[in-house]
Amino acid sequence: MLLETVKLTAGFKLDGSLPESLFSMYREIVNLLLDYAWAKGVISFKKLKAEKYNELRMKYPGLPSHYIYTACQMACSIYKSFRKLKRRRLAKAEKPFFKKQVVMLDDHLFSVDFENWETSIANESGRIKLKLLHGTYHKKLEDMRIGQAWLVKRENSLYLKIVSSKIIELLEPNDKAVAVDINENNIVSGSEKNITNIKTRERIIRTTYFLKRRKLQSNPRLNEKPLLAKYKSREQRRINVIYHEIANQIITEAKKIAASTIVLENLSNMRRKRSSKALNGRLNRWSFRKLQNIIDYKAKLASLNVKYVDAKDTSSLCPICRGKLSPNGYRLMICPTCGLEEDRDVIAVKNILHKYQRDVGASSVHP
C-alpha cells in the first residue's frame, strides 16, 4: 500500500483586528534570534530553541510560549535561505533581517471553526475570535488535519493562511500513465494513443500585464501603487483559473484511461541564465512550477501517483529510433534516420512516457 501526505494552503481574509504589539513583538523576537543565529552560525531549530528559549520567556513573560517556538522556526528558515544566497553571492545585506508583518502560528496558537466561519487566535490578553471572510476555501479541507498557519498584515487588512494535510492511499502503479509537457502558451498531455494540446495563452497574458506595469512605472502618478497591485492580482487570478482547469482536465483524462500515474518533467534548471535579456524576463514571469504543484496535489488527492523524469532532450530526440531531430517548419520536427515528422510537443510527451517506462523497468530489475 502506497501512502502519501498531501498539503494544501488556504487563504482567508479576516474581519477584525489584532493588537499591533503582537506583530511588532514577534518581529523583534525573530530579529533577536536571527542576530544570534548569524553570530553563532546556528541553523538547527532545536539548538536555537534550547539556547534562547528561557531568555526570551523571561523577556516576554506575557506572550504565549509557542510564539517563541514558531519564531525559532522562522529564524532558522530565514537564516538558511540567507546562507544559500550568500554562497551564490546574491545576498544584498551583510546579515539577515526580518521586516515583514507576518506571524507564524502553530496549532496551539490558533483554531478554526468552519461551521461558524471563524478563527480563534492567542495573544497576550487571551484569545481573540475573528470572522473569516472570503478566501480560497475548499470543502476538501474539512477532512484534513490543520497544521501551521501564518498571519499576514497588508496595510489595513489581515489575512490568515492555513496549511492542512491529509494522508492519501495511492493506486498501485500499472502500465498506464499520462505524460505532461508544459510550455509557455500550451500544455500537451496524454498517453501513447491519445495526446491533447491545450492552449493557455499564458505568455500573451503575462506579457500584456508586464507591459501595463512597465508603462505605469515609466510615468509615475499618485495612484501608481494601487494600480500595480490591482493588475498583479488580476493577472494571478486569471492564471490560477487556467492552471486549475488544466489540472482537472489532465486528471479526468488519467481516470478515463485508468492510468495510475501522471508524469511530469523535472524543470529545476529552466531559469538558468541565458544570453537574451528578453528570454530571461519571459522565463522569470512564467510560473511553470506553480502549475506542476497544482497538478501534483490534485493528482494525489485523486489517489494518482506523480513521477518526475529528466527533461533533457525530450523535444530533440526521436521517440522511435532515438536519432537527433531537425526542425521542419513551425514547431514541426523531422527525424533524418526514420523519417518521423511530428509536432515537437507531441514528441516531448512520447519521450516523457518512454523515460518513465524505462525508469519503472529499471526499478523493477533493481529493487
Protein backbone atom coordinates (compact mmCIF):
# COMPACT_ATOMS: atom_id res chain seq x y z
CA MET A 1 0.00 0.00 0.00
CA LEU A 2 1.43 3.37 -1.06
CA LEU A 3 0.74 6.31 1.27
CA GLU A 4 1.41 9.97 0.52
CA THR A 5 0.92 13.09 2.66
CA VAL A 6 -0.71 15.92 0.72
CA LYS A 7 -0.53 19.50 1.98
CA LEU A 8 -2.81 22.36 0.95
CA THR A 9 -2.68 26.06 1.79
CA ALA A 10 -5.94 28.01 2.09
CA GLY A 11 -6.02 31.79 2.46
CA PHE A 12 -8.73 33.79 4.28
CA LYS A 13 -9.30 37.47 4.85
CA LEU A 14 -10.16 38.22 8.48
CA ASP A 15 -12.86 40.56 9.75
CA GLY A 16 -11.45 42.42 12.75
CA SER A 17 -8.04 43.30 14.09
CA LEU A 18 -5.31 42.10 16.40
CA PRO A 19 -3.10 44.22 18.69
CA GLU A 20 -0.29 45.88 16.73
CA SER A 21 2.04 44.85 19.57
CA LEU A 22 1.71 41.19 18.51
CA PHE A 23 3.32 41.89 15.12
CA SER A 24 5.99 44.28 16.42
CA MET A 25 6.89 41.94 19.31
CA TYR A 26 7.08 38.90 17.05
CA ARG A 27 9.25 40.78 14.53
CA GLU A 28 11.55 41.85 17.37
CA ILE A 29 11.88 38.25 18.65
CA VAL A 30 12.66 36.88 15.18
CA ASN A 31 15.35 39.52 14.65
CA LEU A 32 16.93 38.78 18.05
CA LEU A 33 17.06 35.09 17.07
CA LEU A 34 18.44 35.95 13.62
CA ASP A 35 21.23 38.03 15.14
CA TYR A 36 22.16 35.14 17.42
CA ALA A 37 21.93 32.52 14.65
CA TRP A 38 24.06 34.70 12.35
CA ALA A 39 26.69 35.38 15.03
CA LYS A 40 26.94 31.75 16.16
CA GLY A 41 26.23 30.03 12.83
CA VAL A 42 23.21 28.17 14.26
CA ILE A 43 20.92 26.55 11.66
CA SER A 44 19.28 23.93 13.90
CA PHE A 45 15.81 24.74 15.28
CA LYS A 46 16.38 22.52 18.32
CA LYS A 47 19.71 24.12 19.15
CA LEU A 48 18.40 27.67 18.69
CA LYS A 49 15.37 26.94 20.89
CA ALA A 50 17.49 25.27 23.58
CA GLU A 51 19.91 28.22 23.75
CA LYS A 52 17.46 31.15 23.54
CA TYR A 53 14.05 29.94 24.79
CA ASN A 54 14.50 30.67 28.54
CA GLU A 55 15.99 34.10 27.87
CA LEU A 56 13.10 35.10 25.63
CA ARG A 57 10.47 33.71 28.04
CA MET A 58 11.85 35.97 30.74
CA LYS A 59 11.94 38.97 28.41
CA TYR A 60 8.37 38.43 27.11
CA PRO A 61 6.54 36.77 30.04
CA GLY A 62 3.02 37.65 28.85
CA LEU A 63 3.43 36.21 25.35
CA PRO A 64 2.22 32.61 24.84
CA SER A 65 5.30 30.37 24.75
CA HIS A 66 4.53 28.83 21.36
CA TYR A 67 5.18 32.17 19.68
CA ILE A 68 8.81 31.70 20.69
CA TYR A 69 8.77 28.17 19.20
CA THR A 70 7.46 29.43 15.86
CA ALA A 71 9.85 32.41 15.93
CA CYS A 72 12.74 29.93 16.24
CA GLN A 73 11.42 28.02 13.23
CA MET A 74 11.03 31.24 11.25
CA ALA A 75 14.52 32.47 12.18
CA CYS A 76 16.14 29.16 11.17
CA SER A 77 14.32 29.14 7.85
CA ILE A 78 15.31 32.76 7.07
CA TYR A 79 18.93 32.19 8.08
CA LYS A 80 19.23 29.04 5.95
CA SER A 81 17.88 30.94 2.93
CA PHE A 82 20.27 33.82 3.63
CA ARG A 83 23.25 31.41 3.75
CA LYS A 84 22.30 29.97 0.36
CA LEU A 85 22.03 33.45 -1.16
CA LYS A 86 25.34 34.40 0.43
CA ARG A 87 27.10 31.39 -1.10
CA ARG A 88 25.70 32.33 -4.51
CA ARG A 89 26.68 35.99 -3.92
CA LEU A 90 23.08 37.11 -4.27
CA ALA A 91 22.56 38.44 -0.72
CA LYS A 92 22.13 42.22 -0.70
CA ALA A 93 22.66 42.67 3.06
CA GLU A 94 25.54 41.74 5.30
CA LYS A 95 23.30 39.82 7.71
CA PRO A 96 19.67 38.56 7.64
CA PHE A 97 16.87 40.84 8.82
CA PHE A 98 13.12 40.19 9.22
CA LYS A 99 10.88 43.19 8.45
CA LYS A 100 7.59 41.69 7.24
CA GLN A 101 4.25 41.96 9.03
CA VAL A 102 3.97 38.18 9.36
CA VAL A 103 3.42 35.93 12.39
CA MET A 104 3.80 32.15 12.22
CA LEU A 105 1.24 30.14 14.22
CA ASP A 106 1.17 26.51 15.28
CA ASP A 107 -1.93 24.52 16.30
CA HIS A 108 -1.58 25.75 19.93
CA LEU A 109 -1.88 29.40 18.89
CA PHE A 110 -4.95 29.24 16.67
CA SER A 111 -8.02 27.15 15.88
CA VAL A 112 -10.56 27.30 13.05
CA ASP A 113 -14.29 26.65 13.19
CA PHE A 114 -15.56 26.19 9.63
CA GLU A 115 -19.12 25.66 10.85
CA ASN A 116 -19.31 29.17 12.30
CA TRP A 117 -16.76 30.57 9.83
CA GLU A 118 -14.41 31.95 12.48
CA THR A 119 -10.93 31.58 13.94
CA SER A 120 -9.54 31.98 17.45
CA ILE A 121 -6.01 33.40 17.86
CA ALA A 122 -3.97 33.52 21.08
CA ASN A 123 -2.29 36.73 22.23
CA GLU A 124 -1.05 38.33 25.47
CA SER A 125 -4.54 39.07 26.81
CA GLY A 126 -6.12 35.71 25.94
CA ARG A 127 -7.77 34.54 22.75
CA ILE A 128 -9.42 36.76 20.16
CA LYS A 129 -12.14 35.46 17.82
CA LEU A 130 -12.22 36.81 14.27
CA LYS A 131 -14.64 36.13 11.44
CA LEU A 132 -13.36 34.50 8.26
CA LEU A 133 -14.29 36.43 5.14
CA HIS A 134 -13.86 35.43 1.51
CA GLY A 135 -10.86 33.29 0.70
CA THR A 136 -9.61 30.20 -1.10
CA TYR A 137 -11.67 27.74 0.93
CA HIS A 138 -12.45 24.28 -0.36
CA LYS A 139 -14.76 21.60 1.06
CA LYS A 140 -11.87 19.14 0.84
CA LEU A 141 -10.22 20.92 3.80
CA GLU A 142 -12.94 19.71 6.17
CA ASP A 143 -11.48 16.20 6.42
CA MET A 144 -7.85 17.36 6.53
CA ARG A 145 -5.61 17.90 9.55
CA ILE A 146 -4.88 21.57 10.23
CA GLY A 147 -1.24 22.31 10.97
CA GLN A 148 0.62 25.61 10.81
CA ALA A 149 -0.71 28.99 9.74
CA TRP A 150 0.56 32.48 9.01
CA LEU A 151 -0.97 35.80 10.00
CA VAL A 152 -0.21 38.37 7.30
CA LYS A 153 -0.88 42.09 7.66
CA ARG A 154 -1.09 44.19 4.49
CA GLU A 155 -1.86 47.86 5.03
CA ASN A 156 -5.21 47.78 6.89
CA SER A 157 -6.15 44.20 6.02
CA LEU A 158 -5.45 40.99 7.93
CA TYR A 159 -5.12 37.55 6.32
CA LEU A 160 -4.79 34.01 7.64
CA LYS A 161 -3.04 31.36 5.54
CA ILE A 162 -3.64 27.84 6.83
CA VAL A 163 -1.69 24.69 5.91
CA SER A 164 -3.66 21.44 6.12
CA SER A 165 -2.51 17.88 5.45
CA LYS A 166 -4.05 14.53 4.65
CA ILE A 167 -2.66 11.01 4.19
CA ILE A 168 -3.78 9.58 0.85
CA GLU A 169 -3.65 5.95 -0.26
CA LEU A 170 -2.28 5.94 -3.81
CA LEU A 171 -3.12 3.47 -6.56
CA GLU A 172 -0.75 0.61 -7.25
CA PRO A 173 1.29 1.60 -10.34
CA ASN A 174 0.19 -0.07 -13.56
CA ASP A 175 1.42 0.14 -17.15
CA LYS A 176 -0.76 3.17 -17.95
CA ALA A 177 0.41 6.76 -17.44
CA VAL A 178 -0.36 10.28 -18.64
CA ALA A 179 2.64 12.46 -19.52
CA VAL A 180 2.51 16.26 -19.36
CA ASP A 181 4.69 18.67 -21.36
CA ILE A 182 4.44 22.26 -20.06
CA ASN A 183 5.05 25.20 -22.41
CA GLU A 184 4.53 28.95 -22.22
CA ASN A 185 1.42 29.04 -24.40
CA ASN A 186 0.13 25.48 -24.31
CA ILE A 187 0.09 22.25 -22.31
CA VAL A 188 0.33 18.92 -24.13
CA SER A 189 -0.68 15.76 -22.26
CA GLY A 190 -1.76 12.23 -22.92
CA SER A 191 -0.78 8.59 -23.43
CA GLU A 192 0.69 6.82 -26.44
CA LYS A 193 -2.74 6.51 -28.10
CA ASN A 194 -4.32 9.88 -27.30
CA ILE A 195 -2.48 13.20 -26.94
CA THR A 196 -4.29 16.51 -26.24
CA ASN A 197 -2.98 20.02 -26.88
CA ILE A 198 -4.48 22.63 -24.52
CA LYS A 199 -3.98 26.28 -25.49
CA THR A 200 -3.38 28.50 -22.44
CA ARG A 201 -2.21 31.83 -23.96
CA GLU A 202 -0.24 32.33 -20.74
CA ARG A 203 2.67 34.04 -22.46
CA ILE A 204 0.31 36.58 -24.03
CA ILE A 205 -1.43 37.27 -20.70
CA ARG A 206 1.88 37.63 -18.83
CA THR A 207 3.35 39.94 -21.47
CA THR A 208 0.22 42.13 -21.57
CA TYR A 209 0.28 42.75 -17.83
CA PHE A 210 4.06 43.23 -17.85
CA LEU A 211 3.74 45.99 -20.44
CA LYS A 212 0.92 47.62 -18.45
CA ARG A 213 3.04 47.67 -15.31
CA ARG A 214 6.08 49.00 -17.15
CA LYS A 215 4.01 51.81 -18.67
CA LEU A 216 2.75 52.80 -15.21
CA GLN A 217 6.25 52.72 -13.74
CA SER A 218 7.68 54.84 -16.55
CA ASN A 219 5.02 57.54 -15.94
CA PRO A 220 4.61 57.72 -12.15
CA ARG A 221 1.32 59.01 -10.81
CA LEU A 222 -0.33 59.39 -7.41
CA ASN A 223 -2.27 56.12 -7.63
CA GLU A 224 0.57 54.10 -9.17
CA LYS A 225 0.92 51.51 -6.37
CA PRO A 226 -2.81 50.63 -6.09
CA LEU A 227 -2.96 50.19 -9.86
CA LEU A 228 0.13 47.98 -9.89
CA ALA A 229 -1.34 45.84 -7.11
CA LYS A 230 -4.67 45.61 -8.97
CA TYR A 231 -3.01 44.46 -12.20
CA LYS A 232 -0.84 41.94 -10.34
CA SER A 233 -3.85 40.48 -8.51
CA ARG A 234 -5.91 40.32 -11.72
CA GLU A 235 -3.09 38.57 -13.57
CA GLN A 236 -2.67 35.99 -10.79
CA ARG A 237 -6.40 35.24 -10.70
CA ARG A 238 -6.58 34.72 -14.48
CA ILE A 239 -3.55 32.41 -14.49
CA ASN A 240 -4.77 30.46 -11.44
CA VAL A 241 -8.13 29.75 -13.10
CA ILE A 242 -6.32 28.44 -16.20
CA TYR A 243 -3.99 26.27 -14.11
CA HIS A 244 -6.79 24.65 -12.11
CA GLU A 245 -8.84 23.96 -15.25
CA ILE A 246 -5.82 22.32 -16.92
CA ALA A 247 -5.03 20.19 -13.86
CA ASN A 248 -8.64 19.00 -13.62
CA GLN A 249 -8.65 18.13 -17.32
CA ILE A 250 -5.43 16.10 -17.04
CA ILE A 251 -6.69 14.16 -14.02
CA THR A 252 -10.03 13.47 -15.72
CA GLU A 253 -8.15 12.04 -18.72
CA ALA A 254 -5.99 9.87 -16.45
CA LYS A 255 -9.07 8.42 -14.75
CA LYS A 256 -10.76 7.86 -18.11
CA ILE A 257 -7.97 5.56 -19.33
CA ALA A 258 -7.45 4.00 -15.84
CA ALA A 259 -3.90 5.37 -15.60
CA SER A 260 -2.21 5.13 -12.20
CA THR A 261 0.47 7.77 -12.77
CA ILE A 262 0.94 11.31 -14.05
CA VAL A 263 4.45 12.00 -15.35
CA LEU A 264 5.98 15.48 -15.27
CA GLU A 265 9.34 16.90 -16.29
CA ASN A 266 11.95 17.99 -13.77
CA LEU A 267 12.33 21.66 -14.74
CA SER A 268 14.76 22.68 -11.99
CA ASN A 269 17.22 24.26 -14.48
CA MET A 270 14.62 26.08 -16.56
CA ARG A 271 15.56 29.54 -15.28
CA ARG A 272 19.31 29.30 -15.76
CA LYS A 273 20.83 32.50 -17.16
CA ARG A 274 20.60 32.85 -20.94
CA SER A 275 22.18 35.37 -23.30
CA SER A 276 18.86 37.00 -24.21
CA LYS A 277 17.54 39.50 -21.66
CA ALA A 278 14.03 39.28 -23.13
CA LEU A 279 14.04 35.48 -22.84
CA ASN A 280 15.23 35.66 -19.22
CA GLY A 281 12.39 38.06 -18.45
CA ARG A 282 9.81 35.76 -20.04
CA LEU A 283 11.05 32.72 -18.15
CA ASN A 284 11.04 34.63 -14.85
CA ARG A 285 7.41 35.66 -15.41
CA TRP A 286 6.36 32.11 -16.32
CA SER A 287 5.25 30.18 -13.20
CA PHE A 288 5.60 26.64 -14.60
CA ARG A 289 6.48 25.26 -11.17
CA LYS A 290 3.19 26.50 -9.73
CA LEU A 291 1.26 24.62 -12.42
CA GLN A 292 3.24 21.47 -11.65
CA ASN A 293 2.45 21.86 -7.93
CA ILE A 294 -1.27 22.20 -8.67
CA ILE A 295 -1.22 19.10 -10.90
CA ASP A 296 0.80 17.27 -8.24
CA TYR A 297 -1.53 17.84 -5.29
CA LYS A 298 -4.73 17.41 -7.31
CA ALA A 299 -3.45 14.12 -8.71
CA LYS A 300 -2.53 12.81 -5.27
CA LEU A 301 -5.92 13.80 -3.85
CA ALA A 302 -7.36 11.67 -6.66
CA SER A 303 -5.08 8.77 -5.48
CA LEU A 304 -2.83 9.05 -8.56
CA ASN A 305 0.95 8.68 -8.40
CA VAL A 306 3.11 11.59 -9.61
CA LYS A 307 6.57 10.95 -11.05
CA TYR A 308 9.22 13.34 -12.39
CA VAL A 309 11.66 12.50 -15.18
CA ASP A 310 14.71 14.28 -16.58
CA ALA A 311 13.67 16.96 -19.11
CA LYS A 312 16.86 16.71 -21.15
CA ASP A 313 16.35 16.04 -24.90
CA THR A 314 12.61 15.33 -24.62
CA SER A 315 11.93 17.63 -27.62
CA SER A 316 15.09 16.95 -29.64
CA LEU A 317 15.37 13.13 -29.85
CA CYS A 318 13.23 10.81 -31.94
CA PRO A 319 10.92 8.70 -29.73
CA ILE A 320 11.26 5.77 -32.18
CA CYS A 321 14.94 5.48 -33.10
CA ARG A 322 16.47 7.98 -30.61
CA GLY A 323 18.08 9.88 -33.51
CA LYS A 324 18.68 13.64 -33.42
CA LEU A 325 15.67 15.58 -34.76
CA SER A 326 15.86 18.53 -37.15
CA PRO A 327 13.43 21.50 -37.45
CA ASN A 328 11.00 21.16 -40.35
CA GLY A 329 8.84 24.27 -40.22
CA TYR A 330 6.90 25.92 -37.40
CA ARG A 331 7.04 23.60 -34.36
CA LEU A 332 7.48 20.56 -36.60
CA MET A 333 10.44 18.21 -36.18
CA ILE A 334 11.68 15.52 -38.56
CA CYS A 335 13.97 12.56 -37.96
CA PRO A 336 16.57 12.13 -40.76
CA THR A 337 17.03 8.47 -39.78
CA CYS A 338 13.49 7.00 -39.65
CA GLY A 339 11.52 9.83 -41.31
CA LEU A 340 9.21 10.59 -38.36
CA GLU A 341 7.61 14.04 -38.70
CA GLU A 342 5.58 15.38 -35.79
CA ASP A 343 4.88 18.38 -33.57
CA ARG A 344 7.72 18.93 -31.09
CA ASP A 345 5.33 18.94 -28.08
CA VAL A 346 3.78 15.62 -29.10
CA ILE A 347 7.30 14.22 -29.43
CA ALA A 348 8.09 15.54 -25.94
CA VAL A 349 5.07 13.74 -24.44
CA LYS A 350 6.11 10.46 -26.07
CA ASN A 351 9.69 10.83 -24.82
CA ILE A 352 8.49 11.64 -21.30
CA LEU A 353 6.42 8.44 -21.34
CA HIS A 354 9.39 6.41 -22.62
CA LYS A 355 11.65 7.82 -19.89
CA TYR A 356 9.08 6.94 -17.23
CA GLN A 357 8.65 3.40 -18.60
CA ARG A 358 12.44 2.99 -18.70
CA ASP A 359 12.73 4.17 -15.08
CA VAL A 360 9.95 1.81 -13.98
CA GLY A 361 11.65 -1.07 -15.80
CA ALA A 362 14.99 -0.28 -14.18
CA SER A 363 13.47 -0.13 -10.69
CA SER A 364 11.72 -3.48 -11.20
CA VAL A 365 15.02 -5.09 -12.21
CA HIS A 366 16.96 -3.44 -9.35
CA PRO A 367 14.53 -3.11 -6.42
